[in-house]
């Protein structure tokens, strides 16, 4: 199973950090749209390592499909054909209040975003007329001055991040793969995610073999009580942040924990972030995340996803995972 790990670096440190992560045996690196731009670290990584690279995810709605197409095309060139464009919708408060962008009918908008980017790629690859006319986007002008021409490595695949059944089904209809949102459980994956994938694939006339599913896993890895306690604290903090979001309550509902979501949400609105983690019980910790020694974590990841996926993205949130432990986890999954 190929393991992708997060490239969490500030500008200027991406090349060095990429080399460090490559030494763990990681098969790929992904970036998160957090305190730094999601594309810039991958530019540095492309010149330093020969690994798969991916945005996970670039927020689509504040960006034009043309911006996304140019960034993805250039990273496909820089990485010599090892780039994948991962796109996500985010949630309404962030789109409207953080990005000052438009939120409406997110699944339909994401579907059209993917279609528009693919139409731009097709125009460049085939040196054909660009004529995309949709409900949200129109792209009908591509003079030679702005056309990069065919990419020698071909257009990069487009993956979509999703959690709910509508967005998951949409991803399976139009994208090349699915990034399963990291806040989920094995039961939610089996009962909600995979049926939605199959429904979308039926719409597209494709099979599972023609579609990439990449589960994302929140991992607390360590050896010894002190390391595992630090890892659990970091994981609990992230789980409580995700759990405070109303859109993520269905994951908790599947496990019978839905009543915790409004409690977390109320604390977050009061700035009580330090208190939120205490609401994540031990059963919630080990069901929503994977916690243990490298070997235990690898066995649990394989149990949950080995039948359905050949790749996985691993997050090590809020604590310093030992490189040796990350390497052991990766080698145990190889």
Protein backbone atom coordinates (compact mmCIF):
# COMPACT_ATOMS: atom_id res chain seq x y z
CA UNK A 1 0.00 0.00 0.00
CA UNK A 2 1.50 3.33 -1.07
CA UNK A 3 1.64 5.89 1.74
CA UNK A 4 1.40 9.65 1.14
CA UNK A 5 2.44 11.99 3.96
CA UNK A 6 1.85 15.69 4.46
CA UNK A 7 4.43 18.19 3.27
CA UNK A 8 4.04 20.71 6.08
CA UNK A 9 6.63 23.36 5.30
CA UNK A 10 6.87 27.12 5.06
CA UNK A 11 8.12 28.69 1.82
CA UNK A 12 11.83 28.09 1.39
CA UNK A 13 11.84 24.86 3.40
CA UNK A 14 9.94 22.65 0.99
CA UNK A 15 12.92 21.03 -0.71
CA UNK A 16 14.69 20.08 2.52
CA UNK A 17 11.51 18.85 4.15
CA UNK A 18 10.64 16.81 1.05
CA UNK A 19 14.00 15.04 1.24
CA UNK A 20 13.45 14.26 4.93
CA UNK A 21 10.05 12.77 4.21
CA UNK A 22 11.37 10.80 1.24
CA UNK A 23 13.84 9.11 3.59
CA UNK A 24 10.93 7.60 5.53
CA UNK A 25 9.96 5.61 2.44
CA UNK A 26 6.88 7.65 1.63
CA UNK A 27 5.54 7.10 -1.87
CA UNK A 28 4.06 10.56 -2.18
CA UNK A 29 3.66 13.98 -0.60
CA UNK A 30 0.54 16.08 -0.27
CA UNK A 31 -0.14 19.64 0.81
CA UNK A 32 -3.00 21.01 2.86
CA UNK A 33 -4.56 24.43 2.33
CA UNK A 34 -3.64 25.78 5.75
CA UNK A 35 -1.33 28.62 6.82
CA UNK A 36 0.55 28.56 3.50
CA UNK A 37 -0.38 28.30 -0.16
CA UNK A 38 -1.23 24.77 -1.24
CA UNK A 39 0.79 24.84 -4.48
CA UNK A 40 4.07 26.56 -3.55
CA UNK A 41 5.62 23.74 -1.41
CA UNK A 42 5.02 21.29 -4.26
CA UNK A 43 7.03 23.50 -6.61
CA UNK A 44 9.98 23.15 -4.23
CA UNK A 45 9.37 19.43 -3.76
CA UNK A 46 9.26 18.76 -7.49
CA UNK A 47 12.85 19.92 -7.83
CA UNK A 48 14.06 17.89 -4.84
CA UNK A 49 12.43 14.45 -4.88
CA UNK A 50 11.02 11.94 -7.34
CA UNK A 51 7.75 11.22 -5.54
CA UNK A 52 4.07 11.53 -6.36
CA UNK A 53 2.81 15.02 -5.47
CA UNK A 54 -0.74 16.11 -4.75
CA UNK A 55 -2.80 19.00 -3.45
CA UNK A 56 -5.00 17.61 -0.69
CA UNK A 57 -6.87 19.71 -1.23
CA UNK A 58 -6.83 22.97 -3.16
CA UNK A 59 -10.05 24.84 -2.37
CA UNK A 60 -11.85 25.15 -5.68
CA UNK A 61 -14.51 27.84 -5.30
CA UNK A 62 -12.27 30.87 -4.67
CA UNK A 63 -10.22 29.96 -7.75
CA UNK A 64 -11.09 30.09 -11.43
CA UNK A 65 -10.85 26.75 -13.27
CA UNK A 66 -8.29 28.51 -15.49
CA UNK A 67 -6.08 29.26 -12.48
CA UNK A 68 -6.36 25.64 -11.37
CA UNK A 69 -5.57 24.34 -14.85
CA UNK A 70 -2.42 26.46 -15.22
CA UNK A 71 -1.12 25.57 -11.75
CA UNK A 72 -1.78 21.86 -12.29
CA UNK A 73 -0.27 21.83 -15.77
CA UNK A 74 2.91 23.52 -14.57
CA UNK A 75 3.28 21.15 -11.61
CA UNK A 76 2.78 18.20 -13.95
CA UNK A 77 5.73 19.54 -15.95
CA UNK A 78 7.90 20.24 -12.91
CA UNK A 79 7.23 16.82 -11.37
CA UNK A 80 7.77 15.02 -14.67
CA UNK A 81 4.29 13.55 -14.69
CA UNK A 82 3.89 12.80 -10.97
CA UNK A 83 1.29 15.41 -10.02
CA UNK A 84 -2.40 14.98 -9.18
CA UNK A 85 -4.77 17.89 -8.62
CA UNK A 86 -6.87 17.28 -5.52
CA UNK A 87 -9.82 19.66 -5.22
CA UNK A 88 -12.24 20.32 -2.38
CA UNK A 89 -15.23 22.51 -1.66
CA UNK A 90 -14.60 23.44 2.01
CA UNK A 91 -17.70 24.54 3.96
CA UNK A 92 -19.94 27.57 3.60
CA UNK A 93 -18.57 29.74 6.48
CA UNK A 94 -15.00 29.45 5.20
CA UNK A 95 -15.92 30.09 1.58
CA UNK A 96 -17.99 33.16 2.39
CA UNK A 97 -16.20 34.58 5.46
CA UNK A 98 -12.58 33.54 4.96
CA UNK A 99 -12.29 33.61 1.18
CA UNK A 100 -15.10 36.10 0.45
CA UNK A 101 -16.20 33.84 -2.38
CA UNK A 102 -19.53 32.44 -3.54
CA UNK A 103 -21.16 29.38 -1.97
CA UNK A 104 -24.07 27.77 -3.78
CA UNK A 105 -25.02 24.21 -4.69
CA UNK A 106 -21.57 22.87 -3.81
CA UNK A 107 -21.80 19.47 -5.48
CA UNK A 108 -23.05 20.97 -8.76
CA UNK A 109 -20.36 23.63 -8.64
CA UNK A 110 -17.63 21.09 -7.94
CA UNK A 111 -18.88 18.91 -10.79
CA UNK A 112 -18.66 21.83 -13.17
CA UNK A 113 -15.25 22.89 -11.86
CA UNK A 114 -13.83 19.47 -12.70
CA UNK A 115 -15.50 19.50 -16.11
CA UNK A 116 -14.16 22.99 -16.87
CA UNK A 117 -10.57 22.12 -15.89
CA UNK A 118 -10.73 18.97 -17.99
CA UNK A 119 -12.09 20.97 -20.95
CA UNK A 120 -9.15 23.38 -20.65
CA UNK A 121 -6.70 20.46 -20.52
CA UNK A 122 -8.33 18.96 -23.61
CA UNK A 123 -8.03 22.22 -25.54
CA UNK A 124 -4.32 22.44 -24.68
CA UNK A 125 -3.63 18.78 -25.42
CA UNK A 126 -5.45 18.74 -28.75
CA UNK A 127 -4.67 22.35 -29.72
CA UNK A 128 -8.42 22.68 -30.24
CA UNK A 129 -10.88 25.51 -29.66
CA UNK A 130 -11.81 26.09 -26.05
CA UNK A 131 -15.59 26.20 -25.81
CA UNK A 132 -16.82 25.43 -22.31
CA UNK A 133 -20.20 26.89 -21.38
CA UNK A 134 -21.66 25.91 -18.03
CA UNK A 135 -23.97 27.24 -15.36
CA UNK A 136 -21.17 28.66 -13.21
CA UNK A 137 -18.19 29.00 -15.56
CA UNK A 138 -17.63 30.01 -19.16
CA UNK A 139 -14.29 29.54 -20.92
CA UNK A 140 -14.33 30.40 -24.61
CA UNK A 141 -11.12 32.36 -25.18
CA UNK A 142 -7.65 30.81 -25.50
CA UNK A 143 -5.34 32.79 -27.82
CA UNK A 144 -1.99 31.13 -28.65
CA UNK A 145 -0.20 33.57 -26.35
CA UNK A 146 -1.83 31.92 -23.33
CA UNK A 147 -1.91 28.31 -24.53
CA UNK A 148 0.93 26.15 -23.11
CA UNK A 149 0.25 23.41 -25.66
CA UNK A 150 0.31 19.67 -25.03
CA UNK A 151 1.96 18.52 -21.82
CA UNK A 152 4.64 15.89 -22.59
CA UNK A 153 3.44 13.90 -19.55
CA UNK A 154 -0.25 14.26 -20.36
CA UNK A 155 -2.81 16.17 -18.29
CA UNK A 156 -2.69 15.47 -14.55
CA UNK A 157 -5.50 13.43 -12.98
CA UNK A 158 -8.10 15.31 -10.93
CA UNK A 159 -9.21 13.96 -7.57
CA UNK A 160 -12.02 15.28 -5.39
CA UNK A 161 -12.18 15.38 -1.61
CA UNK A 162 -15.59 14.38 -0.23
CA UNK A 163 -17.39 13.20 2.88
CA UNK A 164 -21.16 13.25 2.31
CA UNK A 165 -23.00 10.98 -0.12
CA UNK A 166 -23.87 13.68 -2.68
CA UNK A 167 -20.32 15.01 -3.03
CA UNK A 168 -18.90 11.47 -2.97
CA UNK A 169 -21.27 10.38 -5.72
CA UNK A 170 -20.34 13.48 -7.72
CA UNK A 171 -16.64 12.67 -7.39
CA UNK A 172 -17.25 9.19 -8.77
CA UNK A 173 -19.23 10.65 -11.66
CA UNK A 174 -16.67 13.17 -12.93
CA UNK A 175 -13.29 12.93 -11.20
CA UNK A 176 -10.43 10.47 -11.61
CA UNK A 177 -10.37 9.60 -7.93
CA UNK A 178 -11.72 10.24 -4.45
CA UNK A 179 -9.88 11.59 -1.42
CA UNK A 180 -11.89 10.22 1.50
CA UNK A 181 -12.12 12.96 4.10
CA UNK A 182 -9.94 12.04 7.13
CA UNK A 183 -12.76 12.54 9.66
CA UNK A 184 -14.57 9.25 9.18
CA UNK A 185 -14.87 5.77 10.64
CA UNK A 186 -14.54 2.33 9.11
CA UNK A 187 -18.30 1.89 9.43
CA UNK A 188 -19.01 5.21 7.73
CA UNK A 189 -16.58 4.27 4.94
CA UNK A 190 -18.31 0.95 4.32
CA UNK A 191 -21.92 2.04 4.79
CA UNK A 192 -21.90 5.56 3.35
CA UNK A 193 -18.80 6.20 1.22
CA UNK A 194 -18.53 3.04 -0.87
CA UNK A 195 -22.24 2.87 -1.84
CA UNK A 196 -22.07 6.53 -2.95
CA UNK A 197 -18.94 5.75 -4.99
CA UNK A 198 -20.69 2.84 -6.69
CA UNK A 199 -23.72 5.03 -7.49
CA UNK A 200 -21.51 7.67 -9.09
CA UNK A 201 -19.55 5.12 -11.07
CA UNK A 202 -22.76 3.68 -12.47
CA UNK A 203 -23.66 7.17 -13.70
CA UNK A 204 -20.26 7.51 -15.37
CA UNK A 205 -20.26 3.99 -16.82
CA UNK A 206 -17.03 3.10 -15.01
CA UNK A 207 -15.92 0.37 -12.61
CA UNK A 208 -13.98 0.53 -9.34
CA UNK A 209 -10.88 -0.54 -11.25
CA UNK A 210 -11.08 2.69 -13.29
CA UNK A 211 -11.38 4.93 -10.24
CA UNK A 212 -8.84 5.68 -7.51
CA UNK A 213 -9.99 5.64 -3.88
CA UNK A 214 -7.50 7.15 -1.42
CA UNK A 215 -8.60 6.98 2.22
CA UNK A 216 -7.11 9.58 4.51
CA UNK A 217 -6.23 8.49 8.03
CA UNK A 218 -5.52 10.49 11.18
CA UNK A 219 -2.67 8.60 12.83
CA UNK A 220 -1.29 8.73 16.37
CA UNK A 221 1.88 6.67 16.20
CA UNK A 222 4.56 6.12 18.81
CA UNK A 223 6.38 3.69 21.06
CA UNK A 224 6.05 3.86 24.81
CA UNK A 225 3.55 5.60 27.03
CA UNK A 226 5.00 9.09 26.70
CA UNK A 227 5.08 9.11 22.91
CA UNK A 228 1.62 7.59 22.61
CA UNK A 229 0.15 10.07 25.10
CA UNK A 230 1.58 12.99 23.10
CA UNK A 231 0.25 11.52 19.86
CA UNK A 232 -3.19 10.99 21.39
CA UNK A 233 -3.33 14.61 22.54
CA UNK A 234 -2.58 15.86 19.05
CA UNK A 235 -5.11 13.53 17.47
CA UNK A 236 -7.83 14.41 19.99
CA UNK A 237 -7.38 18.11 19.27
CA UNK A 238 -7.87 17.60 15.52
CA UNK A 239 -10.82 15.25 15.99
CA UNK A 240 -12.54 17.76 18.27
CA UNK A 241 -12.02 20.52 15.70
CA UNK A 242 -13.47 18.41 12.89
CA UNK A 243 -16.27 17.16 15.14
CA UNK A 244 -17.43 20.71 15.89
CA UNK A 245 -18.45 21.18 12.26
CA UNK A 246 -22.17 20.55 11.63
CA UNK A 247 -21.48 19.13 8.17
CA UNK A 248 -19.40 16.35 9.75
CA UNK A 249 -22.05 15.21 12.23
CA UNK A 250 -23.20 12.29 10.02
CA UNK A 251 -19.92 10.52 10.79
CA UNK A 252 -20.65 10.76 14.52
CA UNK A 253 -24.29 9.79 13.97
CA UNK A 254 -23.26 6.51 12.35
CA UNK A 255 -21.47 5.55 15.56
CA UNK A 256 -24.17 6.89 17.90
CA UNK A 257 -22.14 9.92 19.02
CA UNK A 258 -24.08 12.66 17.24
CA UNK A 259 -25.00 14.49 20.45
CA UNK A 260 -21.34 15.42 20.95
CA UNK A 261 -21.27 17.60 17.83
CA UNK A 262 -23.36 20.53 19.14
CA UNK A 263 -21.35 20.48 22.37
CA UNK A 264 -18.12 20.78 20.41
CA UNK A 265 -19.62 23.46 18.20
CA UNK A 266 -20.73 25.54 21.19
CA UNK A 267 -17.27 25.34 22.74
CA UNK A 268 -15.62 26.35 19.47
CA UNK A 269 -17.83 29.44 19.21
CA UNK A 270 -16.73 30.48 22.71
CA UNK A 271 -13.08 29.88 21.87
CA UNK A 272 -12.95 26.89 24.20
CA UNK A 273 -10.58 24.89 22.02
CA UNK A 274 -8.60 23.58 25.00
CA UNK A 275 -11.76 22.02 26.46
CA UNK A 276 -12.98 20.45 23.23
CA UNK A 277 -10.48 17.59 23.20
CA UNK A 278 -11.77 16.31 26.54
CA UNK A 279 -15.04 15.38 24.82
CA UNK A 280 -13.23 12.90 22.57
CA UNK A 281 -13.47 9.63 24.52
CA UNK A 282 -11.07 6.70 24.13
CA UNK A 283 -13.53 4.74 21.95
CA UNK A 284 -14.01 7.80 19.75
CA UNK A 285 -10.23 8.24 19.50
CA UNK A 286 -9.55 4.71 18.30
CA UNK A 287 -12.60 4.59 16.00
CA UNK A 288 -12.14 7.96 14.28
CA UNK A 289 -8.35 7.66 14.15
CA UNK A 290 -5.66 4.97 14.23
CA UNK A 291 -3.47 4.96 17.34
CA UNK A 292 -0.65 2.65 18.44
CA UNK A 293 2.81 1.43 17.57
CA UNK A 294 3.85 1.62 13.91
CA UNK A 295 3.06 -2.05 13.46
CA UNK A 296 -0.32 -1.76 15.18
CA UNK A 297 -1.25 1.28 13.10
CA UNK A 298 -0.23 -0.44 9.87
CA UNK A 299 -2.30 -3.52 10.72
CA UNK A 300 -5.37 -1.39 11.49
CA UNK A 301 -5.01 0.69 8.30
CA UNK A 302 -4.74 -2.50 6.26
CA UNK A 303 -7.77 -3.99 8.05
CA UNK A 304 -9.90 -0.94 7.31
CA UNK A 305 -8.88 -0.21 3.75
CA UNK A 306 -6.72 -2.97 2.28
CA UNK A 307 -9.59 -4.54 0.36
CA UNK A 308 -10.63 -1.25 -1.24
CA UNK A 309 -7.53 0.91 -1.75
CA UNK A 310 -3.91 0.68 -2.84
CA UNK A 311 -2.98 4.11 -1.48
CA UNK A 312 -3.53 5.99 1.76
CA UNK A 313 -2.80 9.49 3.07
CA UNK A 314 -1.55 9.66 6.65
CA UNK A 315 -1.82 12.70 8.92
CA UNK A 316 0.24 13.03 12.11
CA UNK A 317 -1.49 16.05 13.68
CA UNK A 318 -0.31 18.21 16.56
CA UNK A 319 2.68 16.13 17.66
CA UNK A 320 6.16 15.33 16.42
CA UNK A 321 5.99 11.83 15.00
CA UNK A 322 9.41 10.23 15.13
CA UNK A 323 10.79 9.73 11.60
CA UNK A 324 11.79 6.18 12.54
CA UNK A 325 8.21 5.43 13.60
CA UNK A 326 6.82 6.88 10.38
CA UNK A 327 9.34 4.80 8.41
CA UNK A 328 8.34 1.65 10.31
CA UNK A 329 4.66 2.35 9.64
CA UNK A 330 5.32 2.81 5.93
CA UNK A 331 7.51 -0.29 5.65
CA UNK A 332 4.84 -2.34 7.45
CA UNK A 333 2.30 -1.24 4.84
CA UNK A 334 4.60 -1.86 1.87
